[in-house]
């Protein structure tokens, strides 16, 4: 019986590989431009000027004034649709992008917004009814994968004129989120939040210098910015500002983090993703590594045992749900090092009086080659409903929106707003470039559907008692069942 079962499993794997090979060939044919970058870019031009010379390869099309409706989250509505010029650099760039695409292809762009749970309900209702109610979804990353698993989203490789080789698409769409030649979720520069939701570390340069810490950028550039170095620099930084003898939010600390997603981001920072493609290109659960238990122990010790750290599991800030602590402390200038993401430099820290720096999340150790990070789960990812009636329009307009975002909106946000208004020095600008180069989009995170392993780390740390091995043993069967169902969906015959 065991021998028969083994043979059966092997036959299934062989069948899956053949099915994937056929799907990859079909996807390559459908996505005709997937390996071609069109450019006349000369040398020695600044990045903004050079971007304008990159061709998008799109044909002349007139869609007769058709609407192009986009479902998005309310929190990122301004990234998608602006009704008129506002006198704001970023908002006006979004407006100009939309107008350029509308005029070029004779479409009318509109937006349907709500919180992600409302958006999922809206999408489900319309797709199940067969209604062609919208053209594109810029959805919350993990929530949108639930719609994919309900068979409601179209394979991106079936859309003409979508060219994942172009620089306005995250390479991770092909490398990490494509399986069996299919991708139901894509990450392009139309989603500004995939950039500004990227995790980083902020530090107060003035206070750091007062503690004799003057070489943080040198530490980072030398590859010595590790989790042990973070602990070393912050463990003894504590002042009981209100003199009550109790560590609370009214005191000063060396380090703070939220006990949720920005704590969870250490998994990816330490090159310990949930899933990674194996030698055959199959996404495989790899979170259980030789170092994972040590990661749990070390982060737990830094957060809850170091005198200089403050992590309040019960904190209910403006964001609620364990979020906002480190942001609030850094905004109020009562912490030296704080986890956060890039958007905070623009949205929250403009009134911070002390000069501050922006650096990557630390590495696990000096042997780790690169600084790595991730984008918070609220960031937008692109998906297309199966009910669309004009796939050519979807492909052309989406490609144009991503291209125009890369050419005109991203430079304004990244180079003007983020680097000038947010970053306080030239060295931080270089750090931001380093952070962006280290972004990771994990198949196991995007397709978690709140059933996988993507949030295990933060749950274990908040629990304060359970080790990873114990948690994994209790959840392994259900987690593997979920991820296998995701792979089977990709492997299925259309």
Protein backbone atom coordinates (compact mmCIF):
# COMPACT_ATOMS: atom_id res chain seq x y z
CA UNK A 1 0.00 0.00 0.00
CA UNK A 2 2.83 2.41 0.85
CA UNK A 3 4.54 1.65 -2.47
CA UNK A 4 1.28 2.27 -4.37
CA UNK A 5 0.71 5.55 -2.53
CA UNK A 6 4.25 6.69 -3.33
CA UNK A 7 3.78 5.89 -7.01
CA UNK A 8 0.46 7.76 -6.99
CA UNK A 9 2.08 10.86 -5.44
CA UNK A 10 4.92 10.75 -7.96
CA UNK A 11 2.44 10.51 -10.85
CA UNK A 12 0.56 13.52 -9.50
CA UNK A 13 3.79 15.52 -9.26
CA UNK A 14 4.76 14.55 -12.82
CA UNK A 15 1.28 15.51 -14.02
CA UNK A 16 1.55 18.84 -12.24
CA UNK A 17 4.91 19.58 -13.82
CA UNK A 18 3.53 18.81 -17.31
CA UNK A 19 0.44 20.94 -16.60
CA UNK A 20 2.66 23.79 -15.38
CA UNK A 21 4.90 23.51 -18.43
CA UNK A 22 1.89 23.75 -20.74
CA UNK A 23 0.49 26.67 -18.77
CA UNK A 24 3.81 28.50 -18.85
CA UNK A 25 4.00 28.10 -22.63
CA UNK A 26 0.42 29.34 -23.03
CA UNK A 27 1.09 32.27 -20.70
CA UNK A 28 4.22 33.21 -22.63
CA UNK A 29 2.27 33.23 -25.89
CA UNK A 30 -0.60 35.26 -24.43
CA UNK A 31 1.67 37.82 -22.81
CA UNK A 32 3.51 38.63 -26.01
CA UNK A 33 5.68 41.39 -24.58
CA UNK A 34 6.77 39.62 -21.41
CA UNK A 35 10.47 39.47 -22.29
CA UNK A 36 10.91 42.73 -24.18
CA UNK A 37 11.81 46.12 -22.77
CA UNK A 38 11.37 48.97 -25.25
CA UNK A 39 13.72 51.87 -24.71
CA UNK A 40 15.77 54.54 -26.47
CA UNK A 41 17.39 55.54 -23.20
CA UNK A 42 20.79 57.19 -23.74
CA UNK A 43 23.54 57.31 -21.17
CA UNK A 44 24.24 60.17 -18.73
CA UNK A 45 20.67 61.33 -18.20
CA UNK A 46 19.13 61.84 -14.80
CA UNK A 47 16.58 59.19 -13.87
CA UNK A 48 13.49 61.32 -14.47
CA UNK A 49 14.57 62.34 -17.97
CA UNK A 50 15.62 58.80 -18.81
CA UNK A 51 12.26 57.40 -17.69
CA UNK A 52 10.42 59.59 -20.17
CA UNK A 53 12.32 57.89 -23.01
CA UNK A 54 11.23 54.36 -22.11
CA UNK A 55 8.50 53.28 -24.52
CA UNK A 56 5.49 51.37 -23.25
CA UNK A 57 4.98 49.61 -26.60
CA UNK A 58 1.22 50.15 -26.53
CA UNK A 59 -0.78 50.52 -29.75
CA UNK A 60 -2.99 53.44 -30.72
CA UNK A 61 -6.43 52.54 -29.39
CA UNK A 62 -9.70 54.42 -29.01
CA UNK A 63 -12.08 52.83 -26.52
CA UNK A 64 -14.93 55.18 -27.34
CA UNK A 65 -15.25 56.89 -23.98
CA UNK A 66 -15.71 53.61 -22.04
CA UNK A 67 -15.43 53.75 -18.30
CA UNK A 68 -12.44 52.21 -16.56
CA UNK A 69 -13.61 51.57 -13.01
CA UNK A 70 -11.14 50.64 -10.28
CA UNK A 71 -12.07 49.12 -6.91
CA UNK A 72 -9.66 50.31 -4.22
CA UNK A 73 -9.30 50.87 -0.49
CA UNK A 74 -10.40 54.24 0.84
CA UNK A 75 -7.02 54.70 2.54
CA UNK A 76 -5.32 54.69 -0.88
CA UNK A 77 -8.02 56.41 -2.94
CA UNK A 78 -5.73 59.38 -3.60
CA UNK A 79 -3.24 57.02 -5.24
CA UNK A 80 -5.91 55.98 -7.74
CA UNK A 81 -8.20 58.90 -8.50
CA UNK A 82 -8.01 62.68 -8.11
CA UNK A 83 -10.94 64.74 -9.41
CA UNK A 84 -8.99 67.96 -10.02
CA UNK A 85 -5.58 69.51 -9.45
CA UNK A 86 -5.00 70.25 -5.76
CA UNK A 87 -1.72 72.16 -5.68
CA UNK A 88 -0.01 69.16 -4.07
CA UNK A 89 3.00 67.66 -5.85
CA UNK A 90 1.94 64.03 -5.48
CA UNK A 91 -1.80 64.46 -5.93
CA UNK A 92 -1.28 66.59 -9.03
CA UNK A 93 1.01 63.91 -10.47
CA UNK A 94 -1.76 61.32 -9.97
CA UNK A 95 -4.25 63.65 -11.65
CA UNK A 96 -1.89 64.25 -14.60
CA UNK A 97 -1.26 60.52 -14.99
CA UNK A 98 -4.97 59.71 -15.18
CA UNK A 99 -5.70 62.53 -17.60
CA UNK A 100 -2.86 61.45 -19.90
CA UNK A 101 -4.17 57.88 -20.04
CA UNK A 102 -7.78 59.01 -20.46
CA UNK A 103 -6.94 61.29 -23.37
CA UNK A 104 -4.60 58.84 -25.06
CA UNK A 105 -7.08 55.94 -25.10
CA UNK A 106 -10.42 57.76 -24.79
CA UNK A 107 -11.51 56.19 -21.48
CA UNK A 108 -13.03 57.64 -18.31
CA UNK A 109 -11.30 56.55 -15.12
CA UNK A 110 -13.36 56.25 -11.95
CA UNK A 111 -12.93 54.68 -8.51
CA UNK A 112 -15.07 52.61 -6.15
CA UNK A 113 -13.66 52.66 -2.64
CA UNK A 114 -14.27 51.12 0.77
CA UNK A 115 -12.47 49.16 3.46
CA UNK A 116 -11.07 45.90 2.15
CA UNK A 117 -13.82 43.74 3.66
CA UNK A 118 -16.45 45.85 1.90
CA UNK A 119 -14.48 45.68 -1.32
CA UNK A 120 -14.27 41.90 -1.18
CA UNK A 121 -18.02 41.66 -0.62
CA UNK A 122 -18.67 44.03 -3.53
CA UNK A 123 -16.38 42.10 -5.85
CA UNK A 124 -17.82 38.72 -4.86
CA UNK A 125 -21.39 39.89 -5.38
CA UNK A 126 -20.72 41.27 -8.84
CA UNK A 127 -18.52 38.46 -10.09
CA UNK A 128 -20.95 35.78 -8.91
CA UNK A 129 -23.74 37.67 -10.68
CA UNK A 130 -21.65 37.81 -13.85
CA UNK A 131 -21.75 41.62 -13.88
CA UNK A 132 -19.06 43.59 -15.68
CA UNK A 133 -19.17 46.17 -12.88
CA UNK A 134 -15.50 47.16 -12.73
CA UNK A 135 -12.27 46.68 -14.64
CA UNK A 136 -9.44 46.51 -12.13
CA UNK A 137 -8.98 45.91 -8.44
CA UNK A 138 -6.27 47.52 -6.33
CA UNK A 139 -6.94 45.41 -3.29
CA UNK A 140 -5.43 44.71 0.10
CA UNK A 141 -2.71 42.12 -0.47
CA UNK A 142 -3.82 39.21 1.70
CA UNK A 143 -7.56 39.85 1.30
CA UNK A 144 -7.40 39.82 -2.49
CA UNK A 145 -5.91 36.34 -2.50
CA UNK A 146 -9.15 35.12 -0.93
CA UNK A 147 -10.96 36.23 -4.09
CA UNK A 148 -8.39 34.41 -6.22
CA UNK A 149 -9.06 31.21 -4.32
CA UNK A 150 -12.78 31.67 -4.97
CA UNK A 151 -11.97 31.58 -8.70
CA UNK A 152 -12.95 35.20 -9.28
CA UNK A 153 -9.77 36.65 -10.79
CA UNK A 154 -8.25 36.46 -14.25
CA UNK A 155 -4.76 35.19 -15.02
CA UNK A 156 -2.62 38.22 -15.89
CA UNK A 157 -0.84 36.29 -18.62
CA UNK A 158 -4.11 36.14 -20.55
CA UNK A 159 -4.24 39.92 -20.86
CA UNK A 160 -2.71 41.36 -24.03
CA UNK A 161 -0.13 44.16 -23.83
CA UNK A 162 0.78 43.53 -20.19
CA UNK A 163 4.58 43.42 -20.16
CA UNK A 164 6.10 42.22 -16.88
CA UNK A 165 9.61 42.81 -18.24
CA UNK A 166 9.06 46.56 -18.09
CA UNK A 167 10.44 48.48 -15.09
CA UNK A 168 7.00 49.57 -13.87
CA UNK A 169 6.24 45.99 -12.82
CA UNK A 170 7.86 44.50 -9.73
CA UNK A 171 10.13 41.68 -10.82
CA UNK A 172 8.63 39.68 -7.98
CA UNK A 173 5.42 39.32 -10.02
CA UNK A 174 7.33 36.91 -12.26
CA UNK A 175 9.91 35.52 -9.84
CA UNK A 176 7.70 34.92 -6.82
CA UNK A 177 4.01 35.30 -7.67
CA UNK A 178 3.93 33.39 -10.96
CA UNK A 179 3.46 29.63 -10.81
CA UNK A 180 2.61 27.26 -13.62
CA UNK A 181 2.83 30.21 -15.97
CA UNK A 182 -0.03 31.94 -14.16
CA UNK A 183 -0.27 35.04 -12.01
CA UNK A 184 -3.61 36.15 -10.58
CA UNK A 185 -2.03 38.96 -8.57
CA UNK A 186 0.48 41.48 -9.90
CA UNK A 187 2.48 44.30 -8.36
CA UNK A 188 2.96 47.35 -10.54
CA UNK A 189 3.80 50.99 -9.94
CA UNK A 190 0.15 51.97 -10.22
CA UNK A 191 0.15 50.68 -6.64
CA UNK A 192 2.09 53.44 -4.88
CA UNK A 193 1.40 51.78 -1.55
CA UNK A 194 3.63 48.83 -2.46
CA UNK A 195 6.43 51.40 -2.19
CA UNK A 196 5.38 53.60 0.72
CA UNK A 197 4.23 50.67 2.89
CA UNK A 198 7.78 49.27 2.85
CA UNK A 199 9.23 48.67 6.32
CA UNK A 200 12.27 50.54 7.61
CA UNK A 201 13.79 51.76 10.88
CA UNK A 202 13.83 55.40 12.01
CA UNK A 203 16.40 56.74 14.45
CA UNK A 204 16.77 60.05 16.26
CA UNK A 205 20.21 61.36 15.29
CA UNK A 206 20.36 63.97 18.06
CA UNK A 207 19.63 61.57 20.91
CA UNK A 208 21.83 58.90 19.35
CA UNK A 209 24.77 61.31 19.33
CA UNK A 210 24.09 62.15 22.97
CA UNK A 211 24.59 58.45 23.70
CA UNK A 212 27.79 58.38 21.67
CA UNK A 213 26.20 56.71 18.64
CA UNK A 214 27.51 58.68 15.68
CA UNK A 215 28.25 56.10 13.01
CA UNK A 216 24.93 54.41 12.21
CA UNK A 217 25.19 54.90 8.44
CA UNK A 218 28.74 53.56 8.50
CA UNK A 219 27.51 50.51 10.40
CA UNK A 220 24.82 49.90 7.78
CA UNK A 221 27.16 50.41 4.81
CA UNK A 222 29.73 48.07 6.32
CA UNK A 223 27.10 45.30 6.55
CA UNK A 224 27.30 45.31 10.36
CA UNK A 225 23.74 46.49 11.04
CA UNK A 226 22.42 43.29 12.65
CA UNK A 227 19.78 42.49 15.22
CA UNK A 228 22.53 42.06 17.82
CA UNK A 229 23.85 45.53 16.98
CA UNK A 230 20.35 47.01 17.41
CA UNK A 231 20.10 45.37 20.83
CA UNK A 232 23.58 46.57 21.80
CA UNK A 233 22.84 50.19 20.91
CA UNK A 234 19.43 50.40 22.59
CA UNK A 235 19.28 47.97 25.52
CA UNK A 236 20.45 50.48 28.16
CA UNK A 237 18.73 53.59 26.79
CA UNK A 238 15.92 54.31 29.25
CA UNK A 239 14.76 57.36 31.19
CA UNK A 240 11.91 57.36 33.69
CA UNK A 241 10.65 60.76 32.55
CA UNK A 242 7.66 60.94 34.88
CA UNK A 243 9.54 59.51 37.85
CA UNK A 244 6.89 56.99 38.81
CA UNK A 245 9.22 53.99 38.78
CA UNK A 246 7.12 52.20 36.17
CA UNK A 247 7.98 51.62 32.51
CA UNK A 248 5.12 53.16 30.58
CA UNK A 249 4.37 55.22 27.50
CA UNK A 250 5.40 58.44 29.27
CA UNK A 251 9.06 57.41 29.53
CA UNK A 252 11.97 57.50 27.07
CA UNK A 253 13.26 54.35 25.36
CA UNK A 254 16.02 53.16 23.11
CA UNK A 255 13.79 50.99 20.92
CA UNK A 256 10.12 50.40 20.20
CA UNK A 257 8.06 48.36 17.78
CA UNK A 258 4.43 47.42 17.38
CA UNK A 259 3.76 43.80 18.45
CA UNK A 260 2.15 43.12 15.07
CA UNK A 261 3.08 43.42 11.42
CA UNK A 262 6.20 45.57 11.78
CA UNK A 263 7.48 43.00 14.28
CA UNK A 264 6.45 40.22 11.91
CA UNK A 265 8.58 41.86 9.20
CA UNK A 266 11.73 40.55 10.89
CA UNK A 267 11.08 37.16 9.32
CA UNK A 268 11.72 38.57 5.86
CA UNK A 269 14.47 40.88 7.11
CA UNK A 270 16.30 37.80 8.37
CA UNK A 271 15.84 35.99 5.03
CA UNK A 272 13.41 33.52 6.59
CA UNK A 273 10.38 33.75 4.27
CA UNK A 274 7.23 31.69 4.52
CA UNK A 275 7.63 30.11 1.08
CA UNK A 276 10.39 29.95 -1.49
CA UNK A 277 10.48 28.28 -4.89
CA UNK A 278 12.44 25.04 -4.95
CA UNK A 279 14.67 23.78 -7.75
CA UNK A 280 11.63 22.85 -9.82
CA UNK A 281 10.06 26.29 -9.42
CA UNK A 282 7.38 25.09 -6.99
CA UNK A 283 6.57 27.42 -4.05
CA UNK A 284 7.48 25.43 -0.96
CA UNK A 285 6.88 26.08 2.74
CA UNK A 286 10.31 26.94 4.20
CA UNK A 287 9.51 29.00 7.30
CA UNK A 288 10.73 26.22 9.59
CA UNK A 289 14.48 26.76 9.40
CA UNK A 290 17.35 25.88 11.71
CA UNK A 291 17.40 29.47 12.98
CA UNK A 292 13.67 30.16 13.41
CA UNK A 293 13.58 29.19 17.09
CA UNK A 294 16.60 31.39 17.73
CA UNK A 295 14.87 34.26 15.92
CA UNK A 296 11.85 33.93 18.21
CA UNK A 297 14.01 33.82 21.34
CA UNK A 298 16.16 36.78 20.32
CA UNK A 299 13.33 39.08 19.27
CA UNK A 300 11.35 38.14 22.38
CA UNK A 301 14.32 38.99 24.58
CA UNK A 302 14.96 42.33 22.88
CA UNK A 303 11.31 43.39 22.99
CA UNK A 304 10.31 42.19 26.43
CA UNK A 305 13.52 41.83 28.47
CA UNK A 306 15.78 44.71 27.41
CA UNK A 307 15.47 47.66 29.77
CA UNK A 308 15.63 50.06 26.84
CA UNK A 309 12.77 48.51 24.84
CA UNK A 310 9.06 49.27 25.04
CA UNK A 311 6.52 46.98 23.39
CA UNK A 312 3.00 47.22 24.78
CA UNK A 313 0.77 44.34 23.64
CA UNK A 314 -2.30 46.24 24.83
CA UNK A 315 -1.57 49.56 23.17
CA UNK A 316 -4.54 50.96 21.29
CA UNK A 317 -3.37 53.93 19.30
CA UNK A 318 -5.05 55.73 16.44
CA UNK A 319 -4.69 52.63 14.28
CA UNK A 320 -5.87 50.20 16.97
CA UNK A 321 -5.19 46.47 16.57
CA UNK A 322 -1.73 46.64 18.20
CA UNK A 323 -0.60 49.29 15.72
CA UNK A 324 0.78 52.78 16.09
CA UNK A 325 2.95 52.49 19.22
CA UNK A 326 6.39 52.93 17.64
CA UNK A 327 5.05 55.59 15.28
CA UNK A 328 3.51 57.57 18.13
CA UNK A 329 6.62 57.36 20.30
CA UNK A 330 8.89 58.51 17.46
CA UNK A 331 6.50 61.31 16.48
CA UNK A 332 6.49 62.44 20.12
CA UNK A 333 10.31 62.12 20.26
CA UNK A 334 10.35 59.65 23.15
CA UNK A 335 12.23 56.79 21.45
CA UNK A 336 15.63 56.61 19.74
CA UNK A 337 15.08 53.70 17.28
CA UNK A 338 11.63 52.76 16.03
CA UNK A 339 10.25 50.34 13.45
CA UNK A 340 7.93 51.83 10.86
CA UNK A 341 7.41 52.17 7.14
CA UNK A 342 8.44 54.77 4.61
CA UNK A 343 5.09 56.59 4.43
CA UNK A 344 5.51 57.78 8.02
CA UNK A 345 8.28 60.15 7.02
CA UNK A 346 5.80 62.09 4.91
CA UNK A 347 2.53 61.50 6.74
CA UNK A 348 3.57 61.57 10.39
CA UNK A 349 7.06 62.95 11.00
CA UNK A 350 7.09 66.32 9.26
CA UNK A 351 6.89 68.11 12.61
CA UNK A 352 9.57 66.04 14.32
CA UNK A 353 12.11 68.64 15.46
CA UNK A 354 15.20 66.47 15.89
CA UNK A 355 17.12 65.40 12.80
CA UNK A 356 16.41 61.74 12.11
CA UNK A 357 17.73 59.02 9.86
CA UNK A 358 16.07 56.24 7.87
CA UNK A 359 17.84 52.87 7.72
CA UNK A 360 16.94 49.30 6.72
CA UNK A 361 15.70 46.61 9.06
CA UNK A 362 18.75 44.89 10.55
CA UNK A 363 20.13 41.63 9.18
CA UNK A 364 20.17 38.42 11.21
CA UNK A 365 23.97 38.37 11.20
CA UNK A 366 26.88 39.75 9.21
CA UNK A 367 26.98 36.61 7.05
CA UNK A 368 23.61 37.56 5.52
CA UNK A 369 24.37 39.12 2.15
CA UNK A 370 21.69 41.81 1.85
CA UNK A 371 19.37 43.96 3.89
CA UNK A 372 15.85 42.71 3.24
CA UNK A 373 12.38 44.01 4.02
CA UNK A 374 8.73 43.68 3.03
CA UNK A 375 5.69 45.85 2.39
CA UNK A 376 2.93 45.82 4.98
CA UNK A 377 -0.14 43.78 4.14
CA UNK A 378 -2.30 46.85 3.61
CA UNK A 379 -0.42 47.66 0.40
CA UNK A 380 -2.35 47.38 -2.83
CA UNK A 381 -1.96 44.59 -5.36
CA UNK A 382 -3.55 44.42 -8.80
CA UNK A 383 -6.15 41.88 -9.86
CA UNK A 384 -8.68 41.66 -12.71
CA UNK A 385 -12.16 40.10 -12.32
CA UNK A 386 -13.11 37.22 -14.59
CA UNK A 387 -16.24 39.08 -15.64
CA UNK A 388 -14.45 41.76 -17.68
CA UNK A 389 -15.81 41.95 -21.22
CA UNK A 390 -12.88 43.68 -22.92
CA UNK A 391 -9.54 42.16 -21.93
CA UNK A 392 -7.70 44.28 -24.50
CA UNK A 393 -8.92 47.48 -22.82
CA UNK A 394 -7.88 46.16 -19.41
CA UNK A 395 -4.42 45.22 -20.64
CA UNK A 396 -3.78 48.47 -22.49
CA UNK A 397 -5.08 50.85 -19.82
CA UNK A 398 -3.50 49.02 -16.88
CA UNK A 399 -0.13 48.87 -18.62
CA UNK A 400 -0.40 52.59 -19.41
CA UNK A 401 -1.35 53.47 -15.81
CA UNK A 402 1.62 51.53 -14.44
CA UNK A 403 3.96 53.05 -17.02
CA UNK A 404 2.80 56.60 -16.37
CA UNK A 405 3.04 56.02 -12.62
CA UNK A 406 6.66 54.90 -13.03
CA UNK A 407 7.46 57.86 -15.25
CA UNK A 408 5.64 60.64 -13.45
CA UNK A 409 4.16 59.72 -10.07
CA UNK A 410 6.83 57.52 -8.49
CA UNK A 411 9.61 60.08 -9.07
CA UNK A 412 7.47 62.78 -7.44
CA UNK A 413 6.69 60.62 -4.41
CA UNK A 414 10.05 58.96 -4.08
CA UNK A 415 12.45 61.68 -5.19
CA UNK A 416 10.54 64.83 -4.22
CA UNK A 417 8.20 64.08 -1.33
CA UNK A 418 9.92 61.18 0.37
CA UNK A 419 13.53 62.13 -0.18
CA UNK A 420 13.16 65.87 0.38
CA UNK A 421 10.30 66.27 2.82
CA UNK A 422 10.80 62.97 4.63
CA UNK A 423 14.49 62.16 4.62
CA UNK A 424 16.54 64.78 6.46
CA UNK A 425 19.94 64.12 4.87
CA UNK A 426 21.65 62.82 1.74
CA UNK A 427 22.73 59.63 3.51
CA UNK A 428 19.10 58.74 4.29
CA UNK A 429 18.34 59.10 0.60
CA UNK A 430 20.93 56.42 -0.18
CA UNK A 431 19.45 54.30 2.60
CA UNK A 432 15.98 54.54 1.04
CA UNK A 433 17.40 53.26 -2.24
CA UNK A 434 18.95 50.35 -0.34
CA UNK A 435 15.66 49.60 1.42
CA UNK A 436 13.71 49.56 -1.84
CA UNK A 437 16.23 47.24 -3.45
CA UNK A 438 15.68 44.76 -0.62
CA UNK A 439 11.88 44.43 -0.89
CA UNK A 440 10.55 40.88 -0.81
CA UNK A 441 7.09 39.75 -1.97
CA UNK A 442 6.46 36.26 -0.65
CA UNK A 443 4.05 33.83 -2.38
CA UNK A 444 3.24 32.38 1.05
CA UNK A 445 2.37 35.82 2.43
CA UNK A 446 0.34 37.07 -0.53
CA UNK A 447 -1.62 33.80 -0.67
CA UNK A 448 -1.91 33.42 3.09
CA UNK A 449 -5.68 34.12 3.14
CA UNK A 450 -5.25 34.28 6.94
CA UNK A 451 -4.89 30.49 6.90
CA UNK A 452 -1.15 30.14 6.38
CA UNK A 453 2.01 30.86 8.36
CA UNK A 454 2.52 34.54 7.55
CA UNK A 455 1.33 35.87 10.90
CA UNK A 456 2.61 33.05 13.09
CA UNK A 457 5.69 34.97 14.21
CA UNK A 458 3.81 37.91 15.71
CA UNK A 459 1.26 35.61 17.36
CA UNK A 460 4.00 33.57 19.00
CA UNK A 461 5.77 36.68 20.25
CA UNK A 462 2.59 38.26 21.63
CA UNK A 463 1.76 34.99 23.37
CA UNK A 464 5.08 35.21 25.19
CA UNK A 465 5.27 31.51 26.04
CA UNK A 466 4.87 29.32 22.97
CA UNK A 467 7.94 28.40 20.98
CA UNK A 468 7.92 28.12 17.21
CA UNK A 469 8.27 24.34 17.18
CA UNK A 470 5.19 23.93 19.37
CA UNK A 471 3.14 26.37 17.28
CA UNK A 472 4.26 24.78 14.03
CA UNK A 473 3.44 21.26 15.21
CA UNK A 474 -0.07 22.35 16.18
CA UNK A 475 -0.76 24.11 12.89
CA UNK A 476 1.34 22.30 10.28
CA UNK A 477 -1.41 20.04 8.95
CA UNK A 478 -3.92 22.85 8.42
CA UNK A 479 -1.28 25.17 6.95
CA UNK A 480 -0.02 22.58 4.47
CA UNK A 481 -3.58 21.82 3.48
CA UNK A 482 -4.18 25.50 2.74
CA UNK A 483 -1.01 26.05 0.72
CA UNK A 484 -1.53 22.80 -1.18
CA UNK A 485 -5.00 24.02 -2.14
CA UNK A 486 -3.41 27.22 -3.50
CA UNK A 487 -0.89 25.27 -5.57
CA UNK A 488 -3.58 22.93 -6.83
CA UNK A 489 -5.61 25.92 -7.96
CA UNK A 490 -2.67 27.17 -10.03
CA UNK A 491 -2.02 23.68 -11.37
CA UNK A 492 -5.64 23.08 -12.33
CA UNK A 493 -6.68 22.88 -15.96
CA UNK A 494 -8.56 25.97 -17.06
